[in-house]
PDB file of N, CA and C in Angstrom:
ATOM      1  N   MET A   1      27.295  -6.911   4.817  1.00  0.00           N
ATOM      2  CA  MET A   1      26.155  -6.147   4.360  1.00  0.00           C
ATOM      3  C   MET A   1      25.011  -6.315   5.362  1.00  0.00           C
ATOM      4  N   LYS A   2      24.367  -5.228   5.660  1.00  0.00           N
ATOM      5  CA  LYS A   2      23.285  -5.223   6.641  1.00  0.00           C
ATOM      6  C   LYS A   2      21.963  -5.582   5.972  1.00  0.00           C
ATOM      7  N   ASN A   3      21.205  -6.462   6.612  1.00  0.00           N
ATOM      8  CA  ASN A   3      19.875  -6.807   6.108  1.00  0.00           C
ATOM      9  C   ASN A   3      18.858  -5.811   6.641  1.00  0.00           C
ATOM     10  N   ILE A   4      18.104  -5.232   5.724  1.00  0.00           N
ATOM     11  CA  ILE A   4      17.057  -4.283   6.091  1.00  0.00           C
ATOM     12  C   ILE A   4      15.738  -4.871   5.613  1.00  0.00           C
ATOM     13  N   SER A   5      14.795  -4.995   6.524  1.00  0.00           N
ATOM     14  CA  SER A   5      13.511  -5.597   6.165  1.00  0.00           C
ATOM     15  C   SER A   5      12.683  -4.629   5.324  1.00  0.00           C
ATOM     16  N   LEU A   6      11.777  -5.186   4.556  1.00  0.00           N
ATOM     17  CA  LEU A   6      10.903  -4.366   3.716  1.00  0.00           C
ATOM     18  C   LEU A   6      10.040  -3.414   4.546  1.00  0.00           C
ATOM     19  N   PRO A   7       9.420  -3.879   5.643  1.00  0.00           N
ATOM     20  CA  PRO A   7       8.641  -2.930   6.454  1.00  0.00           C
ATOM     21  C   PRO A   7       9.490  -1.780   7.006  1.00  0.00           C
ATOM     22  N   GLN A   8      10.712  -2.075   7.397  1.00  0.00           N
ATOM     23  CA  GLN A   8      11.607  -1.033   7.908  1.00  0.00           C
ATOM     24  C   GLN A   8      11.948  -0.040   6.796  1.00  0.00           C
ATOM     25  N   LEU A   9      12.174  -0.548   5.605  1.00  0.00           N
ATOM     26  CA  LEU A   9      12.493   0.305   4.464  1.00  0.00           C
ATOM     27  C   LEU A   9      11.311   1.200   4.091  1.00  0.00           C
ATOM     28  N   VAL A  10      10.127   0.614   4.052  1.00  0.00           N
ATOM     29  CA  VAL A  10       8.920   1.380   3.713  1.00  0.00           C
ATOM     30  C   VAL A  10       8.638   2.435   4.778  1.00  0.00           C
ATOM     31  N   PHE A  11       8.742   2.056   6.043  1.00  0.00           N
ATOM     32  CA  PHE A  11       8.501   3.004   7.130  1.00  0.00           C
ATOM     33  C   PHE A  11       9.491   4.172   7.066  1.00  0.00           C
ATOM     34  N   THR A  12      10.743   3.875   6.784  1.00  0.00           N
ATOM     35  CA  THR A  12      11.756   4.926   6.667  1.00  0.00           C
ATOM     36  C   THR A  12      11.421   5.873   5.519  1.00  0.00           C
ATOM     37  N   GLY A  13      10.977   5.325   4.402  1.00  0.00           N
ATOM     38  CA  GLY A  13      10.586   6.160   3.264  1.00  0.00           C
ATOM     39  C   GLY A  13       9.409   7.063   3.588  1.00  0.00           C
ATOM     40  N   ILE A  14       8.444   6.518   4.320  1.00  0.00           N
ATOM     41  CA  ILE A  14       7.276   7.316   4.708  1.00  0.00           C
ATOM     42  C   ILE A  14       7.682   8.444   5.648  1.00  0.00           C
ATOM     43  N   VAL A  15       8.510   8.136   6.631  1.00  0.00           N
ATOM     44  CA  VAL A  15       8.965   9.160   7.581  1.00  0.00           C
ATOM     45  C   VAL A  15       9.757  10.243   6.857  1.00  0.00           C
ATOM     46  N   ALA A  16      10.659   9.835   5.975  1.00  0.00           N
ATOM     47  CA  ALA A  16      11.479  10.815   5.247  1.00  0.00           C
ATOM     48  C   ALA A  16      10.604  11.734   4.397  1.00  0.00           C
ATOM     49  N   SER A  17       9.625  11.160   3.717  1.00  0.00           N
ATOM     50  CA  SER A  17       8.729  11.981   2.895  1.00  0.00           C
ATOM     51  C   SER A  17       7.869  12.903   3.745  1.00  0.00           C
ATOM     52  N   MET A  18       7.351  12.372   4.838  1.00  0.00           N
ATOM     53  CA  MET A  18       6.502  13.195   5.707  1.00  0.00           C
ATOM     54  C   MET A  18       7.293  14.318   6.371  1.00  0.00           C
ATOM     55  N   ALA A  19       8.581  14.126   6.529  1.00  0.00           N
ATOM     56  CA  ALA A  19       9.407  15.157   7.156  1.00  0.00           C
ATOM     57  C   ALA A  19       9.759  16.280   6.185  1.00  0.00           C
ATOM     58  N   THR A  20       9.802  15.989   4.897  1.00  0.00           N
ATOM     59  CA  THR A  20      10.235  17.015   3.943  1.00  0.00           C
ATOM     60  C   THR A  20       9.107  17.606   3.097  1.00  0.00           C
ATOM     61  N   LEU A  21       8.092  16.831   2.786  1.00  0.00           N
ATOM     62  CA  LEU A  21       7.032  17.331   1.901  1.00  0.00           C
ATOM     63  C   LEU A  21       6.311  18.577   2.412  1.00  0.00           C
ATOM     64  N   PRO A  22       5.965  18.665   3.687  1.00  0.00           N
ATOM     65  CA  PRO A  22       5.283  19.894   4.128  1.00  0.00           C
ATOM     66  C   PRO A  22       6.100  21.161   3.869  1.00  0.00           C
ATOM     67  N   TYR A  23       7.404  21.089   4.047  1.00  0.00           N
ATOM     68  CA  TYR A  23       8.247  22.260   3.773  1.00  0.00           C
ATOM     69  C   TYR A  23       8.258  22.580   2.287  1.00  0.00           C
ATOM     70  N   LEU A  24       8.343  21.535   1.467  1.00  0.00           N
ATOM     71  CA  LEU A  24       8.385  21.756   0.020  1.00  0.00           C
ATOM     72  C   LEU A  24       7.068  22.292  -0.517  1.00  0.00           C
ATOM     73  N   TRP A  25       5.967  21.819   0.002  1.00  0.00           N
ATOM     74  CA  TRP A  25       4.665  22.200  -0.536  1.00  0.00           C
ATOM     75  C   TRP A  25       4.082  23.458   0.083  1.00  0.00           C
ATOM     76  N   PHE A  26       4.339  23.682   1.373  1.00  0.00           N
ATOM     77  CA  PHE A  26       3.652  24.772   2.068  1.00  0.00           C
ATOM     78  C   PHE A  26       4.541  25.924   2.518  1.00  0.00           C
ATOM     79  N   VAL A  27       5.804  25.669   2.786  1.00  0.00           N
ATOM     80  CA  VAL A  27       6.686  26.724   3.294  1.00  0.00           C
ATOM     81  C   VAL A  27       7.514  27.343   2.172  1.00  0.00           C
ATOM     82  N   LEU A  28       8.217  26.524   1.432  1.00  0.00           N
ATOM     83  CA  LEU A  28       9.135  27.023   0.401  1.00  0.00           C
ATOM     84  C   LEU A  28       8.458  27.900  -0.656  1.00  0.00           C
ATOM     85  N   PRO A  29       7.259  27.573  -1.127  1.00  0.00           N
ATOM     86  CA  PRO A  29       6.631  28.439  -2.143  1.00  0.00           C
ATOM     87  C   PRO A  29       6.394  29.874  -1.675  1.00  0.00           C
ATOM     88  N   ASN A  30       6.322  30.088  -0.384  1.00  0.00           N
ATOM     89  CA  ASN A  30       6.138  31.446   0.133  1.00  0.00           C
ATOM     90  C   ASN A  30       7.395  32.298   0.000  1.00  0.00           C
ATOM     91  N   TYR A  31       8.527  31.666  -0.216  1.00  0.00           N
ATOM     92  CA  TYR A  31       9.797  32.388  -0.267  1.00  0.00           C
ATOM     93  C   TYR A  31      10.457  32.390  -1.639  1.00  0.00           C
ATOM     94  N   ILE A  32      10.046  31.489  -2.503  1.00  0.00           N
ATOM     95  CA  ILE A  32      10.685  31.381  -3.816  1.00  0.00           C
ATOM     96  C   ILE A  32       9.616  31.464  -4.896  1.00  0.00           C
ATOM     97  N   ASP A  33       9.760  32.450  -5.778  1.00  0.00           N
ATOM     98  CA  ASP A  33       8.776  32.658  -6.836  1.00  0.00           C
ATOM     99  C   ASP A  33       9.134  31.947  -8.137  1.00  0.00           C
ATOM    100  N   GLN A  34      10.412  31.901  -8.450  1.00  0.00           N
ATOM    101  CA  GLN A  34      10.832  31.332  -9.729  1.00  0.00           C
ATOM    102  C   GLN A  34      10.874  29.805  -9.650  1.00  0.00           C
ATOM    103  N   ARG A  35      10.219  29.172 -10.600  1.00  0.00           N
ATOM    104  CA  ARG A  35      10.087  27.711 -10.589  1.00  0.00           C
ATOM    105  C   ARG A  35      11.437  26.998 -10.600  1.00  0.00           C
ATOM    106  N   ILE A  36      12.377  27.474 -11.385  1.00  0.00           N
ATOM    107  CA  ILE A  36      13.674  26.792 -11.478  1.00  0.00           C
ATOM    108  C   ILE A  36      14.382  26.788 -10.126  1.00  0.00           C
ATOM    109  N   TRP A  37      14.324  27.911  -9.404  1.00  0.00           N
ATOM    110  CA  TRP A  37      14.962  27.973  -8.090  1.00  0.00           C
ATOM    111  C   TRP A  37      14.203  27.136  -7.068  1.00  0.00           C
ATOM    112  N   TYR A  38      12.892  27.093  -7.223  1.00  0.00           N
ATOM    113  CA  TYR A  38      12.080  26.258  -6.339  1.00  0.00           C
ATOM    114  C   TYR A  38      12.479  24.786  -6.493  1.00  0.00           C
ATOM    115  N   VAL A  39      12.655  24.354  -7.726  1.00  0.00           N
ATOM    116  CA  VAL A  39      13.033  22.960  -7.985  1.00  0.00           C
ATOM    117  C   VAL A  39      14.440  22.682  -7.468  1.00  0.00           C
ATOM    118  N   ILE A  40      15.379  23.558  -7.775  1.00  0.00           N
ATOM    119  CA  ILE A  40      16.771  23.344  -7.359  1.00  0.00           C
ATOM    120  C   ILE A  40      16.891  23.327  -5.839  1.00  0.00           C
ATOM    121  N   ILE A  41      16.349  24.339  -5.198  1.00  0.00           N
ATOM    122  CA  ILE A  41      16.461  24.431  -3.737  1.00  0.00           C
ATOM    123  C   ILE A  41      15.625  23.353  -3.057  1.00  0.00           C
ATOM    124  N   GLY A  42      14.415  23.147  -3.549  1.00  0.00           N
ATOM    125  CA  GLY A  42      13.526  22.161  -2.942  1.00  0.00           C
ATOM    126  C   GLY A  42      14.059  20.746  -3.040  1.00  0.00           C
ATOM    127  N   GLU A  43      14.505  20.353  -4.213  1.00  0.00           N
ATOM    128  CA  GLU A  43      15.033  18.997  -4.384  1.00  0.00           C
ATOM    129  C   GLU A  43      16.336  18.813  -3.609  1.00  0.00           C
ATOM    130  N   SER A  44      17.172  19.829  -3.595  1.00  0.00           N
ATOM    131  CA  SER A  44      18.420  19.740  -2.820  1.00  0.00           C
ATOM    132  C   SER A  44      18.123  19.585  -1.331  1.00  0.00           C
ATOM    133  N   PHE A  45      17.181  20.375  -0.847  1.00  0.00           N
ATOM    134  CA  PHE A  45      16.769  20.281   0.558  1.00  0.00           C
ATOM    135  C   PHE A  45      16.244  18.880   0.867  1.00  0.00           C
ATOM    136  N   ALA A  46      15.374  18.375   0.009  1.00  0.00           N
ATOM    137  CA  ALA A  46      14.782  17.057   0.243  1.00  0.00           C
ATOM    138  C   ALA A  46      15.850  15.969   0.262  1.00  0.00           C
ATOM    139  N   VAL A  47      16.742  16.000  -0.699  1.00  0.00           N
ATOM    140  CA  VAL A  47      17.794  14.978  -0.758  1.00  0.00           C
ATOM    141  C   VAL A  47      18.675  15.040   0.482  1.00  0.00           C
ATOM    142  N   LEU A  48      19.085  16.230   0.878  1.00  0.00           N
ATOM    143  CA  LEU A  48      19.969  16.346   2.043  1.00  0.00           C
ATOM    144  C   LEU A  48      19.286  15.923   3.342  1.00  0.00           C
ATOM    145  N   MET A  49      18.080  16.398   3.562  1.00  0.00           N
ATOM    146  CA  MET A  49      17.376  16.037   4.801  1.00  0.00           C
ATOM    147  C   MET A  49      17.060  14.545   4.844  1.00  0.00           C
ATOM    148  N   GLU A  50      16.606  14.018   3.721  1.00  0.00           N
ATOM    149  CA  GLU A  50      16.277  12.597   3.685  1.00  0.00           C
ATOM    150  C   GLU A  50      17.522  11.725   3.797  1.00  0.00           C
ATOM    151  N   THR A  51      18.663  12.235   3.361  1.00  0.00           N
ATOM    152  CA  THR A  51      19.922  11.505   3.549  1.00  0.00           C
ATOM    153  C   THR A  51      20.163  11.246   5.026  1.00  0.00           C
ATOM    154  N   PHE A  52      20.006  12.280   5.835  1.00  0.00           N
ATOM    155  CA  PHE A  52      20.242  12.126   7.271  1.00  0.00           C
ATOM    156  C   PHE A  52      19.171  11.264   7.936  1.00  0.00           C
ATOM    157  N   ILE A  53      17.939  11.393   7.488  1.00  0.00           N
ATOM    158  CA  ILE A  53      16.859  10.575   8.054  1.00  0.00           C
ATOM    159  C   ILE A  53      17.083   9.101   7.729  1.00  0.00           C
ATOM    160  N   ILE A  54      17.385   8.810   6.479  1.00  0.00           N
ATOM    161  CA  ILE A  54      17.636   7.422   6.070  1.00  0.00           C
ATOM    162  C   ILE A  54      18.846   6.861   6.809  1.00  0.00           C
ATOM    163  N   GLY A  55      19.900   7.644   6.884  1.00  0.00           N
ATOM    164  CA  GLY A  55      21.104   7.190   7.583  1.00  0.00           C
ATOM    165  C   GLY A  55      20.843   6.874   9.041  1.00  0.00           C
ATOM    166  N   ALA A  56      20.080   7.731   9.698  1.00  0.00           N
ATOM    167  CA  ALA A  56      19.802   7.532  11.123  1.00  0.00           C
ATOM    168  C   ALA A  56      18.856   6.359  11.360  1.00  0.00           C
ATOM    169  N   MET A  57      17.824   6.257  10.544  1.00  0.00           N
ATOM    170  CA  MET A  57      16.822   5.215  10.787  1.00  0.00           C
ATOM    171  C   MET A  57      17.287   3.826  10.359  1.00  0.00           C
ATOM    172  N   LEU A  58      18.034   3.757   9.270  1.00  0.00           N
ATOM    173  CA  LEU A  58      18.485   2.453   8.778  1.00  0.00           C
ATOM    174  C   LEU A  58      19.908   2.119   9.222  1.00  0.00           C
ATOM    175  N   ARG A  59      20.548   3.074   9.853  1.00  0.00           N
ATOM    176  CA  ARG A  59      21.923   2.909  10.333  1.00  0.00           C
ATOM    177  C   ARG A  59      22.877   2.475   9.214  1.00  0.00           C
ATOM    178  N   VAL A  60      22.787   3.228   8.117  1.00  0.00           N
ATOM    179  CA  VAL A  60      23.716   3.025   7.005  1.00  0.00           C
ATOM    180  C   VAL A  60      24.588   4.270   6.890  1.00  0.00           C
ATOM    181  N   ASN A  61      25.723   4.129   6.224  1.00  0.00           N
ATOM    182  CA  ASN A  61      26.635   5.268   6.129  1.00  0.00           C
ATOM    183  C   ASN A  61      26.074   6.348   5.200  1.00  0.00           C
ATOM    184  N   LEU A  62      26.640   7.532   5.299  1.00  0.00           N
ATOM    185  CA  LEU A  62      26.118   8.678   4.542  1.00  0.00           C
ATOM    186  C   LEU A  62      26.160   8.498   3.027  1.00  0.00           C
ATOM    187  N   PRO A  63      27.233   7.935   2.456  1.00  0.00           N
ATOM    188  CA  PRO A  63      27.190   7.751   0.999  1.00  0.00           C
ATOM    189  C   PRO A  63      26.025   6.862   0.543  1.00  0.00           C
ATOM    190  N   LYS A  64      25.758   5.791   1.278  1.00  0.00           N
ATOM    191  CA  LYS A  64      24.643   4.913   0.911  1.00  0.00           C
ATOM    192  C   LYS A  64      23.306   5.612   1.103  1.00  0.00           C
ATOM    193  N   SER A  65      23.162   6.327   2.201  1.00  0.00           N
ATOM    194  CA  SER A  65      21.889   7.015   2.428  1.00  0.00           C
ATOM    195  C   SER A  65      21.708   8.161   1.430  1.00  0.00           C
ATOM    196  N   PHE A  66      22.800   8.818   1.044  1.00  0.00           N
ATOM    197  CA  PHE A  66      22.711   9.878   0.039  1.00  0.00           C
ATOM    198  C   PHE A  66      22.269   9.311  -1.308  1.00  0.00           C
ATOM    199  N   LEU A  67      22.881   8.214  -1.724  1.00  0.00           N
ATOM    200  CA  LEU A  67      22.507   7.611  -3.005  1.00  0.00           C
ATOM    201  C   LEU A  67      21.062   7.120  -2.982  1.00  0.00           C
ATOM    202  N   SER A  68      20.630   6.585  -1.861  1.00  0.00           N
ATOM    203  CA  SER A  68      19.240   6.139  -1.730  1.00  0.00           C
ATOM    204  C   SER A  68      18.284   7.316  -1.848  1.00  0.00           C
ATOM    205  N   SER A  69      18.588   8.381  -1.135  1.00  0.00           N
ATOM    206  CA  SER A  69      17.743   9.573  -1.172  1.00  0.00           C
ATOM    207  C   SER A  69      17.724  10.180  -2.574  1.00  0.00           C
ATOM    208  N   LEU A  70      18.881  10.279  -3.185  1.00  0.00           N
ATOM    209  CA  LEU A  70      18.976  10.845  -4.530  1.00  0.00           C
ATOM    210  C   LEU A  70      18.169  10.018  -5.527  1.00  0.00           C
ATOM    211  N   ALA A  71      18.306   8.701  -5.460  1.00  0.00           N
ATOM    212  CA  ALA A  71      17.572   7.824  -6.380  1.00  0.00           C
ATOM    213  C   ALA A  71      16.064   7.966  -6.182  1.00  0.00           C
ATOM    214  N   CYS A  72      15.620   7.950  -4.940  1.00  0.00           N
ATOM    215  CA  CYS A  72      14.180   8.070  -4.664  1.00  0.00           C
ATOM    216  C   CYS A  72      13.633   9.405  -5.139  1.00  0.00           C
ATOM    217  N   ASN A  73      14.371  10.473  -4.907  1.00  0.00           N
ATOM    218  CA  ASN A  73      13.901  11.792  -5.326  1.00  0.00           C
ATOM    219  C   ASN A  73      13.944  11.964  -6.836  1.00  0.00           C
ATOM    220  N   MET A  74      14.912  11.343  -7.494  1.00  0.00           N
ATOM    221  CA  MET A  74      14.952  11.408  -8.958  1.00  0.00           C
ATOM    222  C   MET A  74      13.749  10.684  -9.558  1.00  0.00           C
ATOM    223  N   VAL A  75      13.436   9.515  -9.018  1.00  0.00           N
ATOM    224  CA  VAL A  75      12.271   8.768  -9.510  1.00  0.00           C
ATOM    225  C   VAL A  75      10.997   9.574  -9.279  1.00  0.00           C
ATOM    226  N   SER A  76      10.867  10.157  -8.107  1.00  0.00           N
ATOM    227  CA  SER A  76       9.692  10.956  -7.785  1.00  0.00           C
ATOM    228  C   SER A  76       9.572  12.168  -8.714  1.00  0.00           C
ATOM    229  N   PHE A  77      10.665  12.868  -8.908  1.00  0.00           N
ATOM    230  CA  PHE A  77      10.670  14.060  -9.754  1.00  0.00           C
ATOM    231  C   PHE A  77      10.343  13.707 -11.202  1.00  0.00           C
ATOM    232  N   LEU A  78      10.980  12.665 -11.721  1.00  0.00           N
ATOM    233  CA  LEU A  78      10.741  12.269 -13.111  1.00  0.00           C
ATOM    234  C   LEU A  78       9.322  11.741 -13.308  1.00  0.00           C
ATOM    235  N   THR A  79       8.792  11.053 -12.321  1.00  0.00           N
ATOM    236  CA  THR A  79       7.407  10.582 -12.396  1.00  0.00           C
ATOM    237  C   THR A  79       6.446  11.765 -12.475  1.00  0.00           C
ATOM    238  N   ALA A  80       6.689  12.774 -11.653  1.00  0.00           N
ATOM    239  CA  ALA A  80       5.844  13.976 -11.684  1.00  0.00           C
ATOM    240  C   ALA A  80       5.938  14.675 -13.038  1.00  0.00           C
ATOM    241  N   LEU A  81       7.141  14.734 -13.602  1.00  0.00           N
ATOM    242  CA  LEU A  81       7.290  15.346 -14.927  1.00  0.00           C
ATOM    243  C   LEU A  81       6.508  14.575 -15.979  1.00  0.00           C
ATOM    244  N   LEU A  82       6.625  13.260 -15.947  1.00  0.00           N
ATOM    245  CA  LEU A  82       5.914  12.436 -16.930  1.00  0.00           C
ATOM    246  C   LEU A  82       4.399  12.539 -16.772  1.00  0.00           C
ATOM    247  N   MET A  83       3.942  12.654 -15.551  1.00  0.00           N
ATOM    248  CA  MET A  83       2.501  12.761 -15.312  1.00  0.00           C
ATOM    249  C   MET A  83       1.939  14.095 -15.793  1.00  0.00           C
ATOM    250  N   ASN A  84       2.791  15.096 -15.898  1.00  0.00           N
ATOM    251  CA  ASN A  84       2.333  16.427 -16.301  1.00  0.00           C
ATOM    252  C   ASN A  84       2.598  16.739 -17.767  1.00  0.00           C
ATOM    253  N   LEU A  85       2.993  15.737 -18.539  1.00  0.00           N
ATOM    254  CA  LEU A  85       3.177  15.961 -19.971  1.00  0.00           C
ATOM    255  C   LEU A  85       1.811  16.146 -20.629  1.00  0.00           C
ATOM    256  N   PRO A  86       1.770  16.993 -21.652  1.00  0.00           N
ATOM    257  CA  PRO A  86       0.476  17.213 -22.333  1.00  0.00           C
ATOM    258  C   PRO A  86       0.010  15.990 -23.098  1.00  0.00           C
TER     259      PRO A  86
END
């Protein structure tokens, strides 16, 4: 098992988010009007792109980087949902 330091993990998370958020917030809304498709396409895009970023930066295999990306995006998505409850 490979040891990954906390600073390396945090830096990778920041890079992955900075690489995908501008597309999700500023580009994708110009092309997709329906919220459900925006969520499906946007989250899928984020998970896939961040999978490759995490894999490359942390030098872990694709299944591990995919699960990491999926978990992080699920937490982020669910947190946003909870924050927007009435």
